[in-house]
Amino acid sequence: MWTIQIERSFQKSFSHLHVTFQRQISDFIEDLIDDPRSPLQFPNFLMFTNRPNQGRFRFGKYRIGVTVDFEREVVFFNFVGARGDFYKRFK
């Protein structure tokens, strides 16, 4: 069964978002907790081709960077930010 871990960097970047997007992302995370499944099953998820085990969820102009441990079935939420900031800062 899949589990979620929220990293401190995610919490910090999340706190800088507009309240509307905070609610939208919080609802999404709650849905993941209620119905844990592989991130590959979500239409707004994409694995990066040049970074193994890393991917992103897309929410309008925002991206959520995650690291996926397929063996332990854990999704680590690492960073959230606007598209421009995201691809500069999420590594």
PDB file of N, CA and C in Angstrom:
ATOM      1  N   MET A   1       0.847  -1.179   0.000  1.00  0.00           N
ATOM      2  CA  MET A   1       0.000   0.000   0.000  1.00  0.00           C
ATOM      3  C   MET A   1       0.892   1.242   0.000  1.00  0.00           C
ATOM      4  N   TRP A   2       0.563   2.191  -0.837  1.00  0.00           N
ATOM      5  CA  TRP A   2       1.358   3.397  -1.004  1.00  0.00           C
ATOM      6  C   TRP A   2       1.194   4.341   0.186  1.00  0.00           C
ATOM      7  N   THR A   3       2.305   4.972   0.573  1.00  0.00           N
ATOM      8  CA  THR A   3       2.281   5.970   1.637  1.00  0.00           C
ATOM      9  C   THR A   3       2.897   7.270   1.121  1.00  0.00           C
ATOM     10  N   ILE A   4       2.639   8.335   1.860  1.00  0.00           N
ATOM     11  CA  ILE A   4       3.109   9.667   1.474  1.00  0.00           C
ATOM     12  C   ILE A   4       3.959  10.229   2.598  1.00  0.00           C
ATOM     13  N   GLN A   5       5.063  10.862   2.215  1.00  0.00           N
ATOM     14  CA  GLN A   5       5.880  11.579   3.184  1.00  0.00           C
ATOM     15  C   GLN A   5       6.098  12.994   2.659  1.00  0.00           C
ATOM     16  N   ILE A   6       5.807  13.959   3.512  1.00  0.00           N
ATOM     17  CA  ILE A   6       5.951  15.365   3.161  1.00  0.00           C
ATOM     18  C   ILE A   6       7.290  15.858   3.692  1.00  0.00           C
ATOM     19  N   GLU A   7       8.134  16.349   2.802  1.00  0.00           N
ATOM     20  CA  GLU A   7       9.443  16.860   3.189  1.00  0.00           C
ATOM     21  C   GLU A   7       9.320  18.304   3.680  1.00  0.00           C
ATOM     22  N   ARG A   8      10.282  18.721   4.462  1.00  0.00           N
ATOM     23  CA  ARG A   8      10.290  20.088   4.993  1.00  0.00           C
ATOM     24  C   ARG A   8      10.368  21.128   3.866  1.00  0.00           C
ATOM     25  N   SER A   9      11.118  20.840   2.824  1.00  0.00           N
ATOM     26  CA  SER A   9      11.229  21.765   1.693  1.00  0.00           C
ATOM     27  C   SER A   9       9.873  21.962   1.016  1.00  0.00           C
ATOM     28  N   PHE A  10       9.061  20.905   0.973  1.00  0.00           N
ATOM     29  CA  PHE A  10       7.722  21.022   0.404  1.00  0.00           C
ATOM     30  C   PHE A  10       6.858  21.924   1.278  1.00  0.00           C
ATOM     31  N   GLN A  11       6.911  21.716   2.586  1.00  0.00           N
ATOM     32  CA  GLN A  11       6.118  22.529   3.506  1.00  0.00           C
ATOM     33  C   GLN A  11       6.478  24.004   3.390  1.00  0.00           C
ATOM     34  N   LYS A  12       7.759  24.286   3.267  1.00  0.00           N
ATOM     35  CA  LYS A  12       8.205  25.670   3.168  1.00  0.00           C
ATOM     36  C   LYS A  12       7.716  26.314   1.866  1.00  0.00           C
ATOM     37  N   SER A  13       7.890  25.630   0.749  1.00  0.00           N
ATOM     38  CA  SER A  13       7.451  26.193  -0.525  1.00  0.00           C
ATOM     39  C   SER A  13       5.928  26.254  -0.610  1.00  0.00           C
ATOM     40  N   PHE A  14       5.248  25.306   0.019  1.00  0.00           N
ATOM     41  CA  PHE A  14       3.779  25.275   0.038  1.00  0.00           C
ATOM     42  C   PHE A  14       3.221  26.502   0.767  1.00  0.00           C
ATOM     43  N   SER A  15       3.889  26.910   1.830  1.00  0.00           N
ATOM     44  CA  SER A  15       3.396  28.041   2.629  1.00  0.00           C
ATOM     45  C   SER A  15       3.436  29.361   1.862  1.00  0.00           C
ATOM     46  N   HIS A  16       4.190  29.421   0.768  1.00  0.00           N
ATOM     47  CA  HIS A  16       4.293  30.651  -0.022  1.00  0.00           C
ATOM     48  C   HIS A  16       3.261  30.728  -1.150  1.00  0.00           C
ATOM     49  N   LEU A  17       2.471  29.686  -1.322  1.00  0.00           N
ATOM     50  CA  LEU A  17       1.469  29.667  -2.399  1.00  0.00           C
ATOM     51  C   LEU A  17       0.227  30.464  -2.015  1.00  0.00           C
ATOM     52  N   HIS A  18      -0.523  30.852  -3.033  1.00  0.00           N
ATOM     53  CA  HIS A  18      -1.811  31.502  -2.823  1.00  0.00           C
ATOM     54  C   HIS A  18      -2.756  30.498  -2.165  1.00  0.00           C
ATOM     55  N   VAL A  19      -3.655  30.988  -1.331  1.00  0.00           N
ATOM     56  CA  VAL A  19      -4.565  30.138  -0.553  1.00  0.00           C
ATOM     57  C   VAL A  19      -5.400  29.219  -1.446  1.00  0.00           C
ATOM     58  N   THR A  20      -5.815  29.703  -2.590  1.00  0.00           N
ATOM     59  CA  THR A  20      -6.623  28.894  -3.502  1.00  0.00           C
ATOM     60  C   THR A  20      -5.863  27.641  -3.928  1.00  0.00           C
ATOM     61  N   PHE A  21      -4.600  27.811  -4.298  1.00  0.00           N
ATOM     62  CA  PHE A  21      -3.803  26.661  -4.722  1.00  0.00           C
ATOM     63  C   PHE A  21      -3.435  25.781  -3.535  1.00  0.00           C
ATOM     64  N   GLN A  22      -3.262  26.381  -2.362  1.00  0.00           N
ATOM     65  CA  GLN A  22      -3.010  25.566  -1.174  1.00  0.00           C
ATOM     66  C   GLN A  22      -4.167  24.618  -0.914  1.00  0.00           C
ATOM     67  N   ARG A  23      -5.387  25.118  -1.045  1.00  0.00           N
ATOM     68  CA  ARG A  23      -6.564  24.264  -0.835  1.00  0.00           C
ATOM     69  C   ARG A  23      -6.631  23.154  -1.877  1.00  0.00           C
ATOM     70  N   GLN A  24      -6.389  23.520  -3.125  1.00  0.00           N
ATOM     71  CA  GLN A  24      -6.461  22.543  -4.209  1.00  0.00           C
ATOM     72  C   GLN A  24      -5.427  21.431  -4.002  1.00  0.00           C
ATOM     73  N   ILE A  25      -4.223  21.792  -3.641  1.00  0.00           N
ATOM     74  CA  ILE A  25      -3.165  20.807  -3.431  1.00  0.00           C
ATOM     75  C   ILE A  25      -3.424  20.001  -2.162  1.00  0.00           C
ATOM     76  N   SER A  26      -3.925  20.659  -1.112  1.00  0.00           N
ATOM     77  CA  SER A  26      -4.264  19.936   0.126  1.00  0.00           C
ATOM     78  C   SER A  26      -5.344  18.894  -0.125  1.00  0.00           C
ATOM     79  N   ASP A  27      -6.365  19.261  -0.902  1.00  0.00           N
ATOM     80  CA  ASP A  27      -7.425  18.303  -1.245  1.00  0.00           C
ATOM     81  C   ASP A  27      -6.854  17.115  -2.013  1.00  0.00           C
ATOM     82  N   PHE A  28      -5.938  17.392  -2.935  1.00  0.00           N
ATOM     83  CA  PHE A  28      -5.319  16.325  -3.712  1.00  0.00           C
ATOM     84  C   PHE A  28      -4.537  15.379  -2.798  1.00  0.00           C
ATOM     85  N   ILE A  29      -3.770  15.933  -1.867  1.00  0.00           N
ATOM     86  CA  ILE A  29      -2.985  15.101  -0.952  1.00  0.00           C
ATOM     87  C   ILE A  29      -3.904  14.282  -0.052  1.00  0.00           C
ATOM     88  N   GLU A  30      -4.993  14.873   0.403  1.00  0.00           N
ATOM     89  CA  GLU A  30      -5.961  14.126   1.211  1.00  0.00           C
ATOM     90  C   GLU A  30      -6.566  12.979   0.414  1.00  0.00           C
ATOM     91  N   ASP A  31      -6.856  13.215  -0.870  1.00  0.00           N
ATOM     92  CA  ASP A  31      -7.368  12.141  -1.719  1.00  0.00           C
ATOM     93  C   ASP A  31      -6.351  11.015  -1.859  1.00  0.00           C
ATOM     94  N   LEU A  32      -5.075  11.373  -1.966  1.00  0.00           N
ATOM     95  CA  LEU A  32      -4.033  10.350  -2.041  1.00  0.00           C
ATOM     96  C   LEU A  32      -3.962   9.529  -0.759  1.00  0.00           C
ATOM     97  N   ILE A  33      -4.123  10.196   0.363  1.00  0.00           N
ATOM     98  CA  ILE A  33      -4.081   9.497   1.647  1.00  0.00           C
ATOM     99  C   ILE A  33      -5.278   8.561   1.782  1.00  0.00           C
ATOM    100  N   ASP A  34      -6.455   9.020   1.339  1.00  0.00           N
ATOM    101  CA  ASP A  34      -7.664   8.209   1.435  1.00  0.00           C
ATOM    102  C   ASP A  34      -7.653   7.027   0.465  1.00  0.00           C
ATOM    103  N   ASP A  35      -7.082   7.232  -0.717  1.00  0.00           N
ATOM    104  CA  ASP A  35      -7.065   6.195  -1.747  1.00  0.00           C
ATOM    105  C   ASP A  35      -5.636   6.035  -2.253  1.00  0.00           C
ATOM    106  N   PRO A  36      -4.761   5.396  -1.459  1.00  0.00           N
ATOM    107  CA  PRO A  36      -3.355   5.286  -1.859  1.00  0.00           C
ATOM    108  C   PRO A  36      -3.183   4.375  -3.067  1.00  0.00           C
ATOM    109  N   ARG A  37      -2.505   4.907  -4.079  1.00  0.00           N
ATOM    110  CA  ARG A  37      -2.214   4.130  -5.275  1.00  0.00           C
ATOM    111  C   ARG A  37      -0.956   4.685  -5.925  1.00  0.00           C
ATOM    112  N   SER A  38      -0.463   3.985  -6.898  1.00  0.00           N
ATOM    113  CA  SER A  38       0.760   4.392  -7.574  1.00  0.00           C
ATOM    114  C   SER A  38       0.562   5.748  -8.252  1.00  0.00           C
ATOM    115  N   PRO A  39       1.548   6.634  -8.174  1.00  0.00           N
ATOM    116  CA  PRO A  39       1.415   7.923  -8.850  1.00  0.00           C
ATOM    117  C   PRO A  39       1.298   7.783 -10.361  1.00  0.00           C
ATOM    118  N   LEU A  40       1.761   6.686 -10.908  1.00  0.00           N
ATOM    119  CA  LEU A  40       1.668   6.463 -12.352  1.00  0.00           C
ATOM    120  C   LEU A  40       0.224   6.358 -12.830  1.00  0.00           C
ATOM    121  N   GLN A  41      -0.713   6.154 -11.916  1.00  0.00           N
ATOM    122  CA  GLN A  41      -2.124   6.023 -12.277  1.00  0.00           C
ATOM    123  C   GLN A  41      -2.832   7.367 -12.382  1.00  0.00           C
ATOM    124  N   PHE A  42      -2.150   8.472 -12.103  1.00  0.00           N
ATOM    125  CA  PHE A  42      -2.771   9.791 -12.152  1.00  0.00           C
ATOM    126  C   PHE A  42      -2.460  10.470 -13.486  1.00  0.00           C
ATOM    127  N   PRO A  43      -3.474  11.075 -14.105  1.00  0.00           N
ATOM    128  CA  PRO A  43      -3.247  11.698 -15.413  1.00  0.00           C
ATOM    129  C   PRO A  43      -2.352  12.941 -15.343  1.00  0.00           C
ATOM    130  N   ASN A  44      -2.269  13.597 -14.188  1.00  0.00           N
ATOM    131  CA  ASN A  44      -1.454  14.811 -14.084  1.00  0.00           C
ATOM    132  C   ASN A  44      -0.047  14.525 -13.563  1.00  0.00           C
ATOM    133  N   PHE A  45       0.396  13.248 -13.621  1.00  0.00           N
ATOM    134  CA  PHE A  45       1.722  12.861 -13.159  1.00  0.00           C
ATOM    135  C   PHE A  45       2.608  12.495 -14.332  1.00  0.00           C
ATOM    136  N   LEU A  46       3.885  12.884 -14.244  1.00  0.00           N
ATOM    137  CA  LEU A  46       4.850  12.562 -15.289  1.00  0.00           C
ATOM    138  C   LEU A  46       6.188  12.251 -14.640  1.00  0.00           C
ATOM    139  N   MET A  47       6.765  11.108 -14.982  1.00  0.00           N
ATOM    140  CA  MET A  47       8.115  10.765 -14.517  1.00  0.00           C
ATOM    141  C   MET A  47       9.112  11.506 -15.402  1.00  0.00           C
ATOM    142  N   PHE A  48      10.202  11.995 -14.806  1.00  0.00           N
ATOM    143  CA  PHE A  48      11.259  12.643 -15.573  1.00  0.00           C
ATOM    144  C   PHE A  48      12.116  11.586 -16.243  1.00  0.00           C
ATOM    145  N   THR A  49      12.497  11.817 -17.482  1.00  0.00           N
ATOM    146  CA  THR A  49      13.297  10.828 -18.201  1.00  0.00           C
ATOM    147  C   THR A  49      14.764  10.884 -17.795  1.00  0.00           C
ATOM    148  N   ASN A  50      15.261  12.045 -17.386  1.00  0.00           N
ATOM    149  CA  ASN A  50      16.677  12.166 -17.060  1.00  0.00           C
ATOM    150  C   ASN A  50      16.974  12.075 -15.562  1.00  0.00           C
ATOM    151  N   ARG A  51      15.950  11.876 -14.743  1.00  0.00           N
ATOM    152  CA  ARG A  51      16.135  11.744 -13.298  1.00  0.00           C
ATOM    153  C   ARG A  51      15.368  10.509 -12.816  1.00  0.00           C
ATOM    154  N   PRO A  52      16.092   9.449 -12.494  1.00  0.00           N
ATOM    155  CA  PRO A  52      15.389   8.231 -12.078  1.00  0.00           C
ATOM    156  C   PRO A  52      14.629   8.430 -10.765  1.00  0.00           C
ATOM    157  N   ASN A  53      13.437   7.895 -10.720  1.00  0.00           N
ATOM    158  CA  ASN A  53      12.573   7.924  -9.540  1.00  0.00           C
ATOM    159  C   ASN A  53      12.072   9.310  -9.166  1.00  0.00           C
ATOM    160  N   GLN A  54      12.165  10.281 -10.049  1.00  0.00           N
ATOM    161  CA  GLN A  54      11.616  11.601  -9.771  1.00  0.00           C
ATOM    162  C   GLN A  54      10.589  11.955 -10.830  1.00  0.00           C
ATOM    163  N   GLY A  55       9.585  12.724 -10.395  1.00  0.00           N
ATOM    164  CA  GLY A  55       8.541  13.134 -11.303  1.00  0.00           C
ATOM    165  C   GLY A  55       7.837  14.358 -10.776  1.00  0.00           C
ATOM    166  N   ARG A  56       6.732  14.699 -11.428  1.00  0.00           N
ATOM    167  CA  ARG A  56       5.987  15.875 -11.001  1.00  0.00           C
ATOM    168  C   ARG A  56       4.500  15.688 -11.246  1.00  0.00           C
ATOM    169  N   PHE A  57       3.711  16.331 -10.380  1.00  0.00           N
ATOM    170  CA  PHE A  57       2.276  16.475 -10.580  1.00  0.00           C
ATOM    171  C   PHE A  57       2.057  17.888 -11.082  1.00  0.00           C
ATOM    172  N   ARG A  58       1.131  18.083 -11.989  1.00  0.00           N
ATOM    173  CA  ARG A  58       0.852  19.406 -12.537  1.00  0.00           C
ATOM    174  C   ARG A  58      -0.503  19.889 -12.054  1.00  0.00           C
ATOM    175  N   PHE A  59      -0.528  21.145 -11.562  1.00  0.00           N
ATOM    176  CA  PHE A  59      -1.759  21.808 -11.136  1.00  0.00           C
ATOM    177  C   PHE A  59      -1.768  23.204 -11.742  1.00  0.00           C
ATOM    178  N   GLY A  60      -2.321  23.335 -12.940  1.00  0.00           N
ATOM    179  CA  GLY A  60      -2.322  24.634 -13.592  1.00  0.00           C
ATOM    180  C   GLY A  60      -0.902  25.109 -13.813  1.00  0.00           C
ATOM    181  N   LYS A  61      -0.574  26.277 -13.264  1.00  0.00           N
ATOM    182  CA  LYS A  61       0.785  26.802 -13.445  1.00  0.00           C
ATOM    183  C   LYS A  61       1.757  26.284 -12.386  1.00  0.00           C
ATOM    184  N   TYR A  62       1.294  25.471 -11.472  1.00  0.00           N
ATOM    185  CA  TYR A  62       2.144  24.952 -10.404  1.00  0.00           C
ATOM    186  C   TYR A  62       2.529  23.498 -10.660  1.00  0.00           C
ATOM    187  N   ARG A  63       3.707  23.130 -10.134  1.00  0.00           N
ATOM    188  CA  ARG A  63       4.212  21.762 -10.236  1.00  0.00           C
ATOM    189  C   ARG A  63       4.604  21.285  -8.846  1.00  0.00           C
ATOM    190  N   ILE A  64       4.343  20.021  -8.571  1.00  0.00           N
ATOM    191  CA  ILE A  64       4.758  19.394  -7.315  1.00  0.00           C
ATOM    192  C   ILE A  64       5.815  18.359  -7.670  1.00  0.00           C
ATOM    193  N   GLY A  65       7.013  18.543  -7.141  1.00  0.00           N
ATOM    194  CA  GLY A  65       8.097  17.604  -7.382  1.00  0.00           C
ATOM    195  C   GLY A  65       8.087  16.492  -6.353  1.00  0.00           C
ATOM    196  N   VAL A  66       8.157  15.267  -6.831  1.00  0.00           N
ATOM    197  CA  VAL A  66       8.135  14.111  -5.939  1.00  0.00           C
ATOM    198  C   VAL A  66       9.273  13.152  -6.295  1.00  0.00           C
ATOM    199  N   THR A  67       9.672  12.390  -5.293  1.00  0.00           N
ATOM    200  CA  THR A  67      10.579  11.269  -5.483  1.00  0.00           C
ATOM    201  C   THR A  67       9.781  10.019  -5.140  1.00  0.00           C
ATOM    202  N   VAL A  68       9.840   9.021  -6.006  1.00  0.00           N
ATOM    203  CA  VAL A  68       9.032   7.816  -5.839  1.00  0.00           C
ATOM    204  C   VAL A  68       9.945   6.626  -5.556  1.00  0.00           C
ATOM    205  N   ASP A  69       9.678   5.952  -4.460  1.00  0.00           N
ATOM    206  CA  ASP A  69      10.384   4.724  -4.114  1.00  0.00           C
ATOM    207  C   ASP A  69       9.419   3.577  -4.424  1.00  0.00           C
ATOM    208  N   PHE A  70       9.611   2.945  -5.581  1.00  0.00           N
ATOM    209  CA  PHE A  70       8.698   1.900  -6.029  1.00  0.00           C
ATOM    210  C   PHE A  70       8.817   0.623  -5.198  1.00  0.00           C
ATOM    211  N   GLU A  71       9.983   0.365  -4.643  1.00  0.00           N
ATOM    212  CA  GLU A  71      10.164  -0.853  -3.852  1.00  0.00           C
ATOM    213  C   GLU A  71       9.404  -0.768  -2.529  1.00  0.00           C
ATOM    214  N   ARG A  72       9.523   0.367  -1.842  1.00  0.00           N
ATOM    215  CA  ARG A  72       8.839   0.552  -0.556  1.00  0.00           C
ATOM    216  C   ARG A  72       7.454   1.167  -0.714  1.00  0.00           C
ATOM    217  N   GLU A  73       7.091   1.562  -1.934  1.00  0.00           N
ATOM    218  CA  GLU A  73       5.805   2.193  -2.250  1.00  0.00           C
ATOM    219  C   GLU A  73       5.584   3.457  -1.423  1.00  0.00           C
ATOM    220  N   VAL A  74       6.556   4.377  -1.531  1.00  0.00           N
ATOM    221  CA  VAL A  74       6.494   5.644  -0.821  1.00  0.00           C
ATOM    222  C   VAL A  74       6.657   6.773  -1.832  1.00  0.00           C
ATOM    223  N   VAL A  75       5.831   7.815  -1.689  1.00  0.00           N
ATOM    224  CA  VAL A  75       5.950   9.020  -2.494  1.00  0.00           C
ATOM    225  C   VAL A  75       6.390  10.145  -1.574  1.00  0.00           C
ATOM    226  N   PHE A  76       7.561  10.727  -1.870  1.00  0.00           N
ATOM    227  CA  PHE A  76       8.094  11.832  -1.084  1.00  0.00           C
ATOM    228  C   PHE A  76       7.767  13.135  -1.802  1.00  0.00           C
ATOM    229  N   PHE A  77       6.993  14.000  -1.161  1.00  0.00           N
ATOM    230  CA  PHE A  77       6.679  15.307  -1.720  1.00  0.00           C
ATOM    231  C   PHE A  77       7.825  16.239  -1.356  1.00  0.00           C
ATOM    232  N   ASN A  78       8.585  16.716  -2.389  1.00  0.00           N
ATOM    233  CA  ASN A  78       9.802  17.476  -2.161  1.00  0.00           C
ATOM    234  C   ASN A  78       9.653  18.987  -2.305  1.00  0.00           C
ATOM    235  N   PHE A  79       8.934  19.432  -3.326  1.00  0.00           N
ATOM    236  CA  PHE A  79       8.908  20.864  -3.633  1.00  0.00           C
ATOM    237  C   PHE A  79       7.650  21.181  -4.427  1.00  0.00           C
ATOM    238  N   VAL A  80       7.137  22.386  -4.236  1.00  0.00           N
ATOM    239  CA  VAL A  80       6.033  22.877  -5.043  1.00  0.00           C
ATOM    240  C   VAL A  80       6.353  24.312  -5.440  1.00  0.00           C
ATOM    241  N   GLY A  81       6.053  24.646  -6.690  1.00  0.00           N
ATOM    242  CA  GLY A  81       6.307  25.999  -7.142  1.00  0.00           C
ATOM    243  C   GLY A  81       5.729  26.246  -8.518  1.00  0.00           C
ATOM    244  N   ALA A  82       5.764  27.513  -8.911  1.00  0.00           N
ATOM    245  CA  ALA A  82       5.318  27.893 -10.250  1.00  0.00           C
ATOM    246  C   ALA A  82       6.243  27.235 -11.276  1.00  0.00           C
ATOM    247  N   ARG A  83       5.759  27.075 -12.473  1.00  0.00           N
ATOM    248  CA  ARG A  83       6.484  26.339 -13.502  1.00  0.00           C
ATOM    249  C   ARG A  83       7.920  26.831 -13.659  1.00  0.00           C
ATOM    250  N   GLY A  84       8.124  28.130 -13.751  1.00  0.00           N
ATOM    251  CA  GLY A  84       9.471  28.675 -13.939  1.00  0.00           C
ATOM    252  C   GLY A  84      10.393  28.371 -12.779  1.00  0.00           C
ATOM    253  N   ASP A  85       9.925  28.599 -11.561  1.00  0.00           N
ATOM    254  CA  ASP A  85      10.731  28.308 -10.370  1.00  0.00           C
ATOM    255  C   ASP A  85      10.964  26.816 -10.212  1.00  0.00           C
ATOM    256  N   PHE A  86       9.964  26.054 -10.525  1.00  0.00           N
ATOM    257  CA  PHE A  86      10.039  24.615 -10.298  1.00  0.00           C
ATOM    258  C   PHE A  86      11.207  23.993 -11.048  1.00  0.00           C
ATOM    259  N   TYR A  87      11.290  24.233 -12.341  1.00  0.00           N
ATOM    260  CA  TYR A  87      12.317  23.572 -13.135  1.00  0.00           C
ATOM    261  C   TYR A  87      13.707  24.141 -12.861  1.00  0.00           C
ATOM    262  N   LYS A  88      13.816  25.327 -12.268  1.00  0.00           N
ATOM    263  CA  LYS A  88      15.112  25.870 -11.850  1.00  0.00           C
ATOM    264  C   LYS A  88      15.556  25.270 -10.523  1.00  0.00           C
ATOM    265  N   ARG A  89      14.619  25.066  -9.599  1.00  0.00           N
ATOM    266  CA  ARG A  89      14.956  24.707  -8.226  1.00  0.00           C
ATOM    267  C   ARG A  89      14.823  23.223  -7.906  1.00  0.00           C
ATOM    268  N   PHE A  90      13.947  22.509  -8.562  1.00  0.00           N
ATOM    269  CA  PHE A  90      13.748  21.100  -8.216  1.00  0.00           C
ATOM    270  C   PHE A  90      14.804  20.258  -8.910  1.00  0.00           C
ATOM    271  N   LYS A  91      15.664  19.666  -8.103  1.00  0.00           N
ATOM    272  CA  LYS A  91      16.742  18.826  -8.655  1.00  0.00           C
ATOM    273  C   LYS A  91      16.828  17.538  -7.880  1.00  0.00           C
TER     274      LYS A  91
END
